[in-house]
């Protein structure tokens, strides 16, 4: 190691070692690490819900829509509470996308409730309309927002959030 403090500082700068500091302590890395912990804590519950049969009763659909809304609220609320790098537009966009997932899940839950109400009233036309509305939300917006969130989290550097690309 050179004896000159100036040379030592230059070497530290060139090696990007930080001489005692590291990128792991940067606001972005802390945000990623904390977000990965959050996703880890929710991952098993999301996986269990994703493994649920598609052909199910309306009451089972409502139960799953309620579970999905609960999970997305926990994800969104947890990300919202994390300290994000100041001025990082992508981090802010990811938090907004998580909030949009919760909004979509809320609409799915409400539509599921309305389907059950229509079934109870034996209103076949209302059941068809509401089922079509549920499918529109599920097929288009939910998939689109979830895909944007998933890809964004992966691209940002998360390891346990946004696993697919």
N, C-alpha and C. Protein backbone atom coordinates (compact mmCIF):
# COMPACT_ATOMS: atom_id res chain seq x y z
N UNK A 1 0.86 -1.19 0.00
CA UNK A 1 0.00 0.00 0.00
C UNK A 1 0.89 1.23 0.00
N UNK A 2 0.65 2.21 -0.85
CA UNK A 2 1.45 3.42 -0.90
C UNK A 2 1.36 4.18 0.41
N UNK A 3 2.47 4.86 0.72
CA UNK A 3 2.51 5.60 1.97
C UNK A 3 1.88 6.97 1.82
N UNK A 4 1.79 7.47 0.64
CA UNK A 4 1.25 8.80 0.43
C UNK A 4 -0.28 8.77 0.57
N UNK A 5 -0.85 9.64 1.43
CA UNK A 5 -2.31 9.66 1.58
C UNK A 5 -3.02 10.01 0.28
N UNK A 6 -2.41 10.83 -0.56
CA UNK A 6 -3.05 11.21 -1.82
C UNK A 6 -3.14 10.00 -2.74
N UNK A 7 -2.07 9.22 -2.84
CA UNK A 7 -2.06 8.03 -3.68
C UNK A 7 -3.06 7.01 -3.13
N UNK A 8 -3.09 6.87 -1.81
CA UNK A 8 -4.04 5.94 -1.20
C UNK A 8 -5.48 6.34 -1.53
N UNK A 9 -5.77 7.63 -1.47
CA UNK A 9 -7.13 8.09 -1.80
C UNK A 9 -7.44 7.83 -3.26
N UNK A 10 -6.48 8.08 -4.15
CA UNK A 10 -6.70 7.83 -5.57
C UNK A 10 -6.96 6.36 -5.84
N UNK A 11 -6.18 5.49 -5.19
CA UNK A 11 -6.39 4.05 -5.38
C UNK A 11 -7.79 3.64 -4.90
N UNK A 12 -8.17 4.19 -3.77
CA UNK A 12 -9.52 3.86 -3.27
C UNK A 12 -10.58 4.31 -4.27
N UNK A 13 -10.41 5.50 -4.81
CA UNK A 13 -11.37 6.00 -5.79
C UNK A 13 -11.38 5.17 -7.05
N UNK A 14 -10.21 4.78 -7.52
CA UNK A 14 -10.12 3.98 -8.74
C UNK A 14 -10.70 2.59 -8.54
N UNK A 15 -10.51 2.03 -7.38
CA UNK A 15 -11.01 0.69 -7.12
C UNK A 15 -12.48 0.69 -6.75
N UNK A 16 -13.04 1.86 -6.57
CA UNK A 16 -14.44 2.01 -6.18
C UNK A 16 -14.78 1.23 -4.91
N UNK A 17 -13.74 1.07 -4.09
CA UNK A 17 -13.97 0.36 -2.84
C UNK A 17 -14.56 1.28 -1.79
N UNK A 18 -14.36 2.55 -1.97
CA UNK A 18 -14.95 3.51 -1.05
C UNK A 18 -14.17 3.65 0.24
N UNK A 19 -13.13 2.90 0.47
CA UNK A 19 -12.36 2.96 1.71
C UNK A 19 -13.26 3.00 2.93
N UNK A 20 -13.98 1.98 3.16
CA UNK A 20 -14.84 1.91 4.35
C UNK A 20 -16.31 2.02 4.00
N UNK A 21 -16.64 2.51 2.84
CA UNK A 21 -18.04 2.62 2.44
C UNK A 21 -18.29 1.71 1.26
N UNK A 22 -19.54 1.54 0.89
CA UNK A 22 -19.83 0.72 -0.29
C UNK A 22 -21.16 1.14 -0.87
N UNK A 23 -21.40 0.68 -2.10
CA UNK A 23 -22.67 0.95 -2.75
C UNK A 23 -23.83 0.29 -2.03
N UNK A 24 -23.52 -0.75 -1.24
CA UNK A 24 -24.58 -1.45 -0.51
C UNK A 24 -25.29 -0.52 0.46
N UNK A 25 -24.64 0.58 0.79
CA UNK A 25 -25.25 1.53 1.72
C UNK A 25 -25.93 2.69 0.99
N UNK A 26 -25.97 2.65 -0.33
CA UNK A 26 -26.61 3.73 -1.07
C UNK A 26 -28.12 3.67 -0.85
N UNK A 27 -28.80 4.80 -0.99
CA UNK A 27 -30.27 4.79 -0.81
C UNK A 27 -30.97 3.80 -1.73
N UNK A 28 -30.49 3.66 -2.97
CA UNK A 28 -31.11 2.72 -3.90
C UNK A 28 -30.93 1.29 -3.40
N UNK A 29 -29.71 0.93 -2.97
CA UNK A 29 -29.45 -0.42 -2.49
C UNK A 29 -30.25 -0.73 -1.23
N UNK A 30 -30.41 0.25 -0.35
CA UNK A 30 -31.22 0.04 0.86
C UNK A 30 -32.68 -0.17 0.48
N UNK A 31 -33.17 0.63 -0.48
CA UNK A 31 -34.55 0.49 -0.95
C UNK A 31 -34.77 -0.90 -1.53
N UNK A 32 -33.82 -1.37 -2.33
CA UNK A 32 -33.93 -2.69 -2.93
C UNK A 32 -33.90 -3.77 -1.84
N UNK A 33 -32.95 -3.67 -0.91
CA UNK A 33 -32.83 -4.68 0.14
C UNK A 33 -34.10 -4.73 1.00
N UNK A 34 -34.61 -3.56 1.37
CA UNK A 34 -35.84 -3.52 2.18
C UNK A 34 -37.05 -4.02 1.40
N UNK A 35 -37.11 -3.66 0.12
CA UNK A 35 -38.21 -4.13 -0.73
C UNK A 35 -38.16 -5.64 -0.93
N UNK A 36 -36.95 -6.17 -1.10
CA UNK A 36 -36.81 -7.63 -1.24
C UNK A 36 -37.26 -8.35 0.03
N UNK A 37 -36.97 -7.79 1.18
CA UNK A 37 -37.44 -8.38 2.44
C UNK A 37 -38.97 -8.39 2.48
N UNK A 38 -39.57 -7.28 2.06
CA UNK A 38 -41.03 -7.18 2.02
C UNK A 38 -41.60 -8.25 1.08
N UNK A 39 -41.05 -8.35 -0.12
CA UNK A 39 -41.54 -9.33 -1.09
C UNK A 39 -41.33 -10.76 -0.59
N UNK A 40 -40.21 -11.00 0.08
CA UNK A 40 -39.97 -12.32 0.67
C UNK A 40 -41.07 -12.67 1.66
N UNK A 41 -41.46 -11.69 2.47
CA UNK A 41 -42.47 -11.96 3.49
C UNK A 41 -43.85 -12.23 2.90
N UNK A 42 -44.11 -11.74 1.69
CA UNK A 42 -45.41 -11.94 1.04
C UNK A 42 -45.39 -13.04 -0.02
N UNK A 43 -44.21 -13.44 -0.43
CA UNK A 43 -44.06 -14.35 -1.56
C UNK A 43 -44.81 -15.65 -1.45
N UNK A 44 -44.73 -16.30 -0.30
CA UNK A 44 -45.40 -17.60 -0.15
C UNK A 44 -46.91 -17.44 -0.26
N UNK A 45 -47.45 -16.36 0.31
CA UNK A 45 -48.89 -16.13 0.23
C UNK A 45 -49.33 -15.83 -1.20
N UNK A 46 -48.54 -15.04 -1.94
CA UNK A 46 -48.86 -14.79 -3.35
C UNK A 46 -48.80 -16.09 -4.15
N UNK A 47 -47.79 -16.92 -3.90
CA UNK A 47 -47.64 -18.19 -4.63
C UNK A 47 -48.82 -19.12 -4.36
N UNK A 48 -49.24 -19.19 -3.11
CA UNK A 48 -50.37 -20.04 -2.75
C UNK A 48 -51.64 -19.57 -3.46
N UNK A 49 -51.84 -18.26 -3.49
CA UNK A 49 -53.01 -17.71 -4.17
C UNK A 49 -52.93 -17.97 -5.68
N UNK A 50 -51.76 -17.83 -6.25
CA UNK A 50 -51.59 -18.05 -7.69
C UNK A 50 -51.84 -19.51 -8.07
N UNK A 51 -51.63 -20.42 -7.15
CA UNK A 51 -51.83 -21.84 -7.43
C UNK A 51 -53.29 -22.27 -7.32
N UNK A 52 -54.17 -21.33 -6.96
CA UNK A 52 -55.59 -21.64 -6.80
C UNK A 52 -56.21 -21.96 -8.16
N UNK A 53 -57.12 -22.92 -8.16
CA UNK A 53 -57.82 -23.31 -9.40
C UNK A 53 -58.50 -22.10 -10.04
N UNK A 54 -58.55 -22.09 -11.35
CA UNK A 54 -59.24 -21.02 -12.07
C UNK A 54 -60.74 -21.28 -12.11
N UNK A 55 -61.16 -22.53 -12.34
CA UNK A 55 -62.59 -22.85 -12.41
C UNK A 55 -63.11 -23.06 -11.00
N UNK A 56 -63.67 -22.01 -10.44
CA UNK A 56 -64.14 -22.04 -9.06
C UNK A 56 -65.50 -21.35 -8.95
N UNK A 57 -66.11 -21.51 -7.82
CA UNK A 57 -67.42 -20.90 -7.60
C UNK A 57 -67.26 -19.39 -7.42
N UNK A 58 -68.35 -18.64 -7.62
CA UNK A 58 -68.27 -17.20 -7.41
C UNK A 58 -67.84 -16.83 -5.98
N UNK A 59 -68.26 -17.61 -5.00
CA UNK A 59 -67.86 -17.32 -3.61
C UNK A 59 -66.36 -17.58 -3.43
N UNK A 60 -65.85 -18.58 -4.09
CA UNK A 60 -64.41 -18.86 -4.03
C UNK A 60 -63.63 -17.75 -4.76
N UNK A 61 -64.20 -17.27 -5.87
CA UNK A 61 -63.58 -16.15 -6.58
C UNK A 61 -63.53 -14.91 -5.69
N UNK A 62 -64.62 -14.65 -4.98
CA UNK A 62 -64.65 -13.51 -4.06
C UNK A 62 -63.60 -13.68 -2.96
N UNK A 63 -63.51 -14.87 -2.42
CA UNK A 63 -62.51 -15.13 -1.37
C UNK A 63 -61.10 -14.86 -1.90
N UNK A 64 -60.82 -15.34 -3.11
CA UNK A 64 -59.49 -15.12 -3.70
C UNK A 64 -59.27 -13.66 -4.06
N UNK A 65 -60.29 -12.98 -4.55
CA UNK A 65 -60.16 -11.55 -4.86
C UNK A 65 -59.89 -10.76 -3.59
N UNK A 66 -60.52 -11.15 -2.50
CA UNK A 66 -60.29 -10.50 -1.22
C UNK A 66 -58.86 -10.74 -0.74
N UNK A 67 -58.40 -11.97 -0.88
CA UNK A 67 -57.02 -12.29 -0.49
C UNK A 67 -56.02 -11.52 -1.34
N UNK A 68 -56.29 -11.45 -2.64
CA UNK A 68 -55.39 -10.72 -3.54
C UNK A 68 -55.34 -9.24 -3.17
N UNK A 69 -56.50 -8.67 -2.87
CA UNK A 69 -56.52 -7.26 -2.48
C UNK A 69 -55.72 -7.05 -1.19
N UNK A 70 -55.88 -7.94 -0.23
CA UNK A 70 -55.14 -7.83 1.02
C UNK A 70 -53.64 -7.87 0.76
N UNK A 71 -53.20 -8.81 -0.07
CA UNK A 71 -51.77 -8.93 -0.36
C UNK A 71 -51.24 -7.70 -1.11
N UNK A 72 -51.99 -7.22 -2.09
CA UNK A 72 -51.51 -6.05 -2.84
C UNK A 72 -51.49 -4.81 -1.95
N UNK A 73 -52.44 -4.72 -1.02
CA UNK A 73 -52.42 -3.59 -0.07
C UNK A 73 -51.19 -3.66 0.83
N UNK A 74 -50.84 -4.86 1.28
CA UNK A 74 -49.64 -5.01 2.10
C UNK A 74 -48.39 -4.67 1.31
N UNK A 75 -48.33 -5.11 0.06
CA UNK A 75 -47.19 -4.80 -0.80
C UNK A 75 -47.10 -3.30 -1.05
N UNK A 76 -48.20 -2.70 -1.47
CA UNK A 76 -48.21 -1.28 -1.77
C UNK A 76 -47.90 -0.44 -0.54
N UNK A 77 -48.56 -0.75 0.57
CA UNK A 77 -48.31 0.00 1.80
C UNK A 77 -46.89 -0.16 2.30
N UNK A 78 -46.37 -1.37 2.18
CA UNK A 78 -44.99 -1.61 2.60
C UNK A 78 -43.99 -0.84 1.75
N UNK A 79 -44.18 -0.86 0.43
CA UNK A 79 -43.27 -0.10 -0.45
C UNK A 79 -43.39 1.40 -0.20
N UNK A 80 -44.60 1.86 0.05
CA UNK A 80 -44.83 3.28 0.31
C UNK A 80 -44.06 3.74 1.55
N UNK A 81 -43.97 2.88 2.55
CA UNK A 81 -43.30 3.23 3.81
C UNK A 81 -41.78 3.22 3.71
N UNK A 82 -41.26 2.51 2.70
CA UNK A 82 -39.81 2.42 2.58
C UNK A 82 -39.21 3.75 2.15
N UNK A 83 -38.03 4.02 2.66
CA UNK A 83 -37.32 5.22 2.23
C UNK A 83 -36.80 4.98 0.82
N UNK A 84 -37.16 5.90 -0.07
CA UNK A 84 -36.74 5.78 -1.47
C UNK A 84 -35.64 6.80 -1.76
N UNK A 85 -34.80 6.51 -2.73
CA UNK A 85 -33.78 7.48 -3.10
C UNK A 85 -34.42 8.79 -3.55
N UNK A 86 -33.95 9.88 -3.03
CA UNK A 86 -34.51 11.19 -3.39
C UNK A 86 -34.34 11.45 -4.88
N UNK A 87 -35.42 11.89 -5.49
CA UNK A 87 -35.38 12.24 -6.91
C UNK A 87 -35.33 11.05 -7.86
N UNK A 88 -35.52 9.85 -7.37
CA UNK A 88 -35.46 8.65 -8.21
C UNK A 88 -36.86 8.40 -8.78
N UNK A 89 -37.07 8.85 -10.01
CA UNK A 89 -38.38 8.76 -10.65
C UNK A 89 -38.82 7.31 -10.83
N UNK A 90 -37.88 6.41 -11.10
CA UNK A 90 -38.24 5.01 -11.31
C UNK A 90 -38.73 4.37 -10.02
N UNK A 91 -38.10 4.68 -8.90
CA UNK A 91 -38.55 4.16 -7.61
C UNK A 91 -39.97 4.65 -7.32
N UNK A 92 -40.23 5.91 -7.60
CA UNK A 92 -41.57 6.47 -7.38
C UNK A 92 -42.60 5.79 -8.30
N UNK A 93 -42.20 5.53 -9.53
CA UNK A 93 -43.10 4.87 -10.49
C UNK A 93 -43.46 3.46 -10.01
N UNK A 94 -42.49 2.75 -9.45
CA UNK A 94 -42.75 1.40 -8.96
C UNK A 94 -43.72 1.41 -7.79
N UNK A 95 -43.60 2.40 -6.91
CA UNK A 95 -44.52 2.51 -5.78
C UNK A 95 -45.93 2.82 -6.30
N UNK A 96 -46.01 3.70 -7.31
CA UNK A 96 -47.33 4.00 -7.90
C UNK A 96 -47.94 2.77 -8.59
N UNK A 97 -47.11 1.97 -9.25
CA UNK A 97 -47.62 0.74 -9.89
C UNK A 97 -48.15 -0.23 -8.85
N UNK A 98 -47.48 -0.34 -7.71
CA UNK A 98 -47.99 -1.21 -6.64
C UNK A 98 -49.35 -0.71 -6.15
N UNK A 99 -49.50 0.60 -6.06
CA UNK A 99 -50.79 1.17 -5.65
C UNK A 99 -51.86 0.88 -6.71
N UNK A 100 -51.48 0.89 -7.99
CA UNK A 100 -52.44 0.56 -9.05
C UNK A 100 -52.86 -0.91 -8.98
N UNK A 101 -51.94 -1.79 -8.60
CA UNK A 101 -52.30 -3.19 -8.41
C UNK A 101 -53.39 -3.31 -7.35
N UNK A 102 -53.26 -2.55 -6.30
CA UNK A 102 -54.26 -2.57 -5.22
C UNK A 102 -55.60 -2.05 -5.72
N UNK A 103 -55.57 -1.02 -6.53
CA UNK A 103 -56.79 -0.46 -7.09
C UNK A 103 -57.51 -1.48 -7.98
N UNK A 104 -56.75 -2.17 -8.81
CA UNK A 104 -57.33 -3.20 -9.67
C UNK A 104 -57.91 -4.33 -8.82
N UNK A 105 -57.19 -4.73 -7.80
CA UNK A 105 -57.66 -5.81 -6.91
C UNK A 105 -58.96 -5.40 -6.21
N UNK A 106 -59.06 -4.13 -5.85
CA UNK A 106 -60.28 -3.63 -5.21
C UNK A 106 -61.47 -3.76 -6.17
N UNK A 107 -61.26 -3.37 -7.43
CA UNK A 107 -62.34 -3.49 -8.42
C UNK A 107 -62.73 -4.94 -8.66
N UNK A 108 -61.76 -5.84 -8.67
CA UNK A 108 -62.07 -7.27 -8.83
C UNK A 108 -62.92 -7.76 -7.66
N UNK A 109 -62.57 -7.34 -6.47
CA UNK A 109 -63.34 -7.76 -5.29
C UNK A 109 -64.77 -7.24 -5.36
N UNK A 110 -64.91 -5.96 -5.69
CA UNK A 110 -66.26 -5.37 -5.78
C UNK A 110 -67.08 -6.08 -6.85
N UNK A 111 -66.47 -6.34 -8.01
CA UNK A 111 -67.20 -7.02 -9.09
C UNK A 111 -67.59 -8.43 -8.66
N UNK A 112 -66.71 -9.11 -7.94
CA UNK A 112 -67.04 -10.46 -7.43
C UNK A 112 -68.24 -10.40 -6.49
N UNK A 113 -68.27 -9.39 -5.64
CA UNK A 113 -69.41 -9.23 -4.73
C UNK A 113 -70.70 -9.01 -5.50
N UNK A 114 -70.62 -8.21 -6.55
CA UNK A 114 -71.80 -7.92 -7.37
C UNK A 114 -72.28 -9.14 -8.15
N UNK A 115 -71.35 -9.99 -8.55
CA UNK A 115 -71.74 -11.23 -9.22
C UNK A 115 -72.55 -12.10 -8.26
N UNK A 116 -72.07 -12.23 -7.05
CA UNK A 116 -72.78 -13.04 -6.05
C UNK A 116 -74.15 -12.44 -5.75
N UNK A 117 -74.23 -11.13 -5.66
CA UNK A 117 -75.53 -10.48 -5.43
C UNK A 117 -76.49 -10.78 -6.58
N UNK A 118 -75.99 -10.73 -7.81
CA UNK A 118 -76.84 -11.01 -8.97
C UNK A 118 -77.27 -12.48 -8.99
N UNK A 119 -76.38 -13.36 -8.59
CA UNK A 119 -76.75 -14.79 -8.51
C UNK A 119 -77.85 -14.98 -7.46
N UNK A 120 -77.66 -14.34 -6.32
CA UNK A 120 -78.67 -14.46 -5.25
C UNK A 120 -80.04 -13.94 -5.69
N UNK A 121 -80.03 -12.93 -6.55
CA UNK A 121 -81.29 -12.38 -7.08
C UNK A 121 -81.79 -13.14 -8.30
N UNK A 122 -81.01 -14.12 -8.72
CA UNK A 122 -81.33 -14.91 -9.92
C UNK A 122 -81.48 -14.04 -11.17
N UNK A 123 -80.60 -13.06 -11.28
CA UNK A 123 -80.59 -12.13 -12.40
C UNK A 123 -79.48 -12.55 -13.37
N UNK A 124 -79.83 -13.42 -14.30
CA UNK A 124 -78.84 -13.99 -15.23
C UNK A 124 -78.15 -12.92 -16.08
N UNK A 125 -78.91 -11.91 -16.52
CA UNK A 125 -78.31 -10.86 -17.35
C UNK A 125 -77.26 -10.08 -16.55
N UNK A 126 -77.56 -9.79 -15.30
CA UNK A 126 -76.61 -9.07 -14.45
C UNK A 126 -75.37 -9.93 -14.18
N UNK A 127 -75.57 -11.22 -14.00
CA UNK A 127 -74.43 -12.12 -13.77
C UNK A 127 -73.51 -12.08 -14.99
N UNK A 128 -74.09 -12.17 -16.19
CA UNK A 128 -73.28 -12.14 -17.41
C UNK A 128 -72.52 -10.82 -17.55
N UNK A 129 -73.21 -9.69 -17.30
CA UNK A 129 -72.56 -8.38 -17.40
C UNK A 129 -71.41 -8.25 -16.41
N UNK A 130 -71.68 -8.66 -15.20
CA UNK A 130 -70.66 -8.50 -14.15
C UNK A 130 -69.50 -9.47 -14.34
N UNK A 131 -69.80 -10.66 -14.81
CA UNK A 131 -68.73 -11.61 -15.10
C UNK A 131 -67.85 -11.09 -16.24
N UNK A 132 -68.48 -10.49 -17.25
CA UNK A 132 -67.70 -9.90 -18.35
C UNK A 132 -66.84 -8.76 -17.84
N UNK A 133 -67.38 -7.94 -16.94
CA UNK A 133 -66.61 -6.84 -16.36
C UNK A 133 -65.43 -7.37 -15.55
N UNK A 134 -65.67 -8.41 -14.77
CA UNK A 134 -64.60 -9.03 -13.99
C UNK A 134 -63.49 -9.54 -14.91
N UNK A 135 -63.89 -10.22 -15.98
CA UNK A 135 -62.90 -10.76 -16.91
C UNK A 135 -62.12 -9.67 -17.62
N UNK A 136 -62.79 -8.56 -17.96
CA UNK A 136 -62.08 -7.43 -18.59
C UNK A 136 -61.00 -6.91 -17.67
N UNK A 137 -61.34 -6.69 -16.42
CA UNK A 137 -60.37 -6.17 -15.45
C UNK A 137 -59.24 -7.19 -15.27
N UNK A 138 -59.62 -8.46 -15.09
CA UNK A 138 -58.62 -9.49 -14.83
C UNK A 138 -57.69 -9.70 -16.02
N UNK A 139 -58.27 -9.73 -17.21
CA UNK A 139 -57.46 -10.04 -18.38
C UNK A 139 -56.64 -8.87 -18.88
N UNK A 140 -57.17 -7.69 -18.79
CA UNK A 140 -56.45 -6.57 -19.38
C UNK A 140 -55.65 -5.80 -18.34
N UNK A 141 -56.35 -5.04 -17.53
CA UNK A 141 -55.64 -4.12 -16.64
C UNK A 141 -54.78 -4.83 -15.60
N UNK A 142 -55.31 -5.85 -14.96
CA UNK A 142 -54.55 -6.52 -13.92
C UNK A 142 -53.28 -7.14 -14.50
N UNK A 143 -53.41 -7.80 -15.63
CA UNK A 143 -52.24 -8.43 -16.25
C UNK A 143 -51.25 -7.37 -16.71
N UNK A 144 -51.75 -6.29 -17.32
CA UNK A 144 -50.87 -5.22 -17.80
C UNK A 144 -50.11 -4.56 -16.66
N UNK A 145 -50.82 -4.19 -15.60
CA UNK A 145 -50.18 -3.50 -14.47
C UNK A 145 -49.22 -4.45 -13.75
N UNK A 146 -49.63 -5.70 -13.55
CA UNK A 146 -48.76 -6.67 -12.88
C UNK A 146 -47.49 -6.91 -13.69
N UNK A 147 -47.62 -6.98 -15.00
CA UNK A 147 -46.45 -7.18 -15.86
C UNK A 147 -45.52 -5.97 -15.80
N UNK A 148 -46.09 -4.76 -15.86
CA UNK A 148 -45.26 -3.55 -15.75
C UNK A 148 -44.53 -3.51 -14.41
N UNK A 149 -45.25 -3.84 -13.34
CA UNK A 149 -44.65 -3.84 -12.01
C UNK A 149 -43.54 -4.88 -11.93
N UNK A 150 -43.83 -6.09 -12.36
CA UNK A 150 -42.87 -7.19 -12.31
C UNK A 150 -41.59 -6.85 -13.09
N UNK A 151 -41.76 -6.41 -14.31
CA UNK A 151 -40.58 -6.07 -15.14
C UNK A 151 -39.82 -4.87 -14.57
N UNK A 152 -40.57 -3.89 -14.08
CA UNK A 152 -39.92 -2.71 -13.50
C UNK A 152 -39.10 -3.06 -12.27
N UNK A 153 -39.65 -3.91 -11.41
CA UNK A 153 -38.92 -4.31 -10.20
C UNK A 153 -37.65 -5.06 -10.57
N UNK A 154 -37.74 -5.96 -11.53
CA UNK A 154 -36.56 -6.71 -11.98
C UNK A 154 -35.51 -5.78 -12.57
N UNK A 155 -35.95 -4.89 -13.44
CA UNK A 155 -35.01 -3.98 -14.10
C UNK A 155 -34.35 -3.03 -13.10
N UNK A 156 -35.06 -2.67 -12.06
CA UNK A 156 -34.52 -1.74 -11.06
C UNK A 156 -33.44 -2.41 -10.21
N UNK A 157 -33.52 -3.73 -10.10
CA UNK A 157 -32.50 -4.45 -9.35
C UNK A 157 -33.01 -5.32 -8.22
N UNK A 158 -34.33 -5.37 -8.05
CA UNK A 158 -34.88 -6.23 -7.00
C UNK A 158 -34.61 -7.69 -7.35
N UNK A 159 -34.36 -8.49 -6.34
CA UNK A 159 -34.10 -9.91 -6.57
C UNK A 159 -35.29 -10.77 -6.18
N UNK A 160 -36.08 -10.34 -5.23
CA UNK A 160 -37.23 -11.13 -4.76
C UNK A 160 -38.56 -10.54 -5.19
N UNK A 161 -38.53 -9.41 -5.79
CA UNK A 161 -39.72 -8.77 -6.37
C UNK A 161 -39.48 -8.74 -7.86
N UNK A 162 -40.47 -9.10 -8.64
CA UNK A 162 -40.29 -9.04 -10.09
C UNK A 162 -39.31 -10.07 -10.60
N UNK A 163 -39.55 -11.31 -10.26
CA UNK A 163 -38.62 -12.38 -10.63
C UNK A 163 -38.59 -12.66 -12.12
N UNK A 164 -39.71 -12.47 -12.80
CA UNK A 164 -39.71 -12.77 -14.24
C UNK A 164 -39.39 -11.52 -15.02
N UNK A 165 -39.03 -11.71 -16.25
CA UNK A 165 -38.69 -10.53 -17.07
C UNK A 165 -39.44 -10.54 -18.36
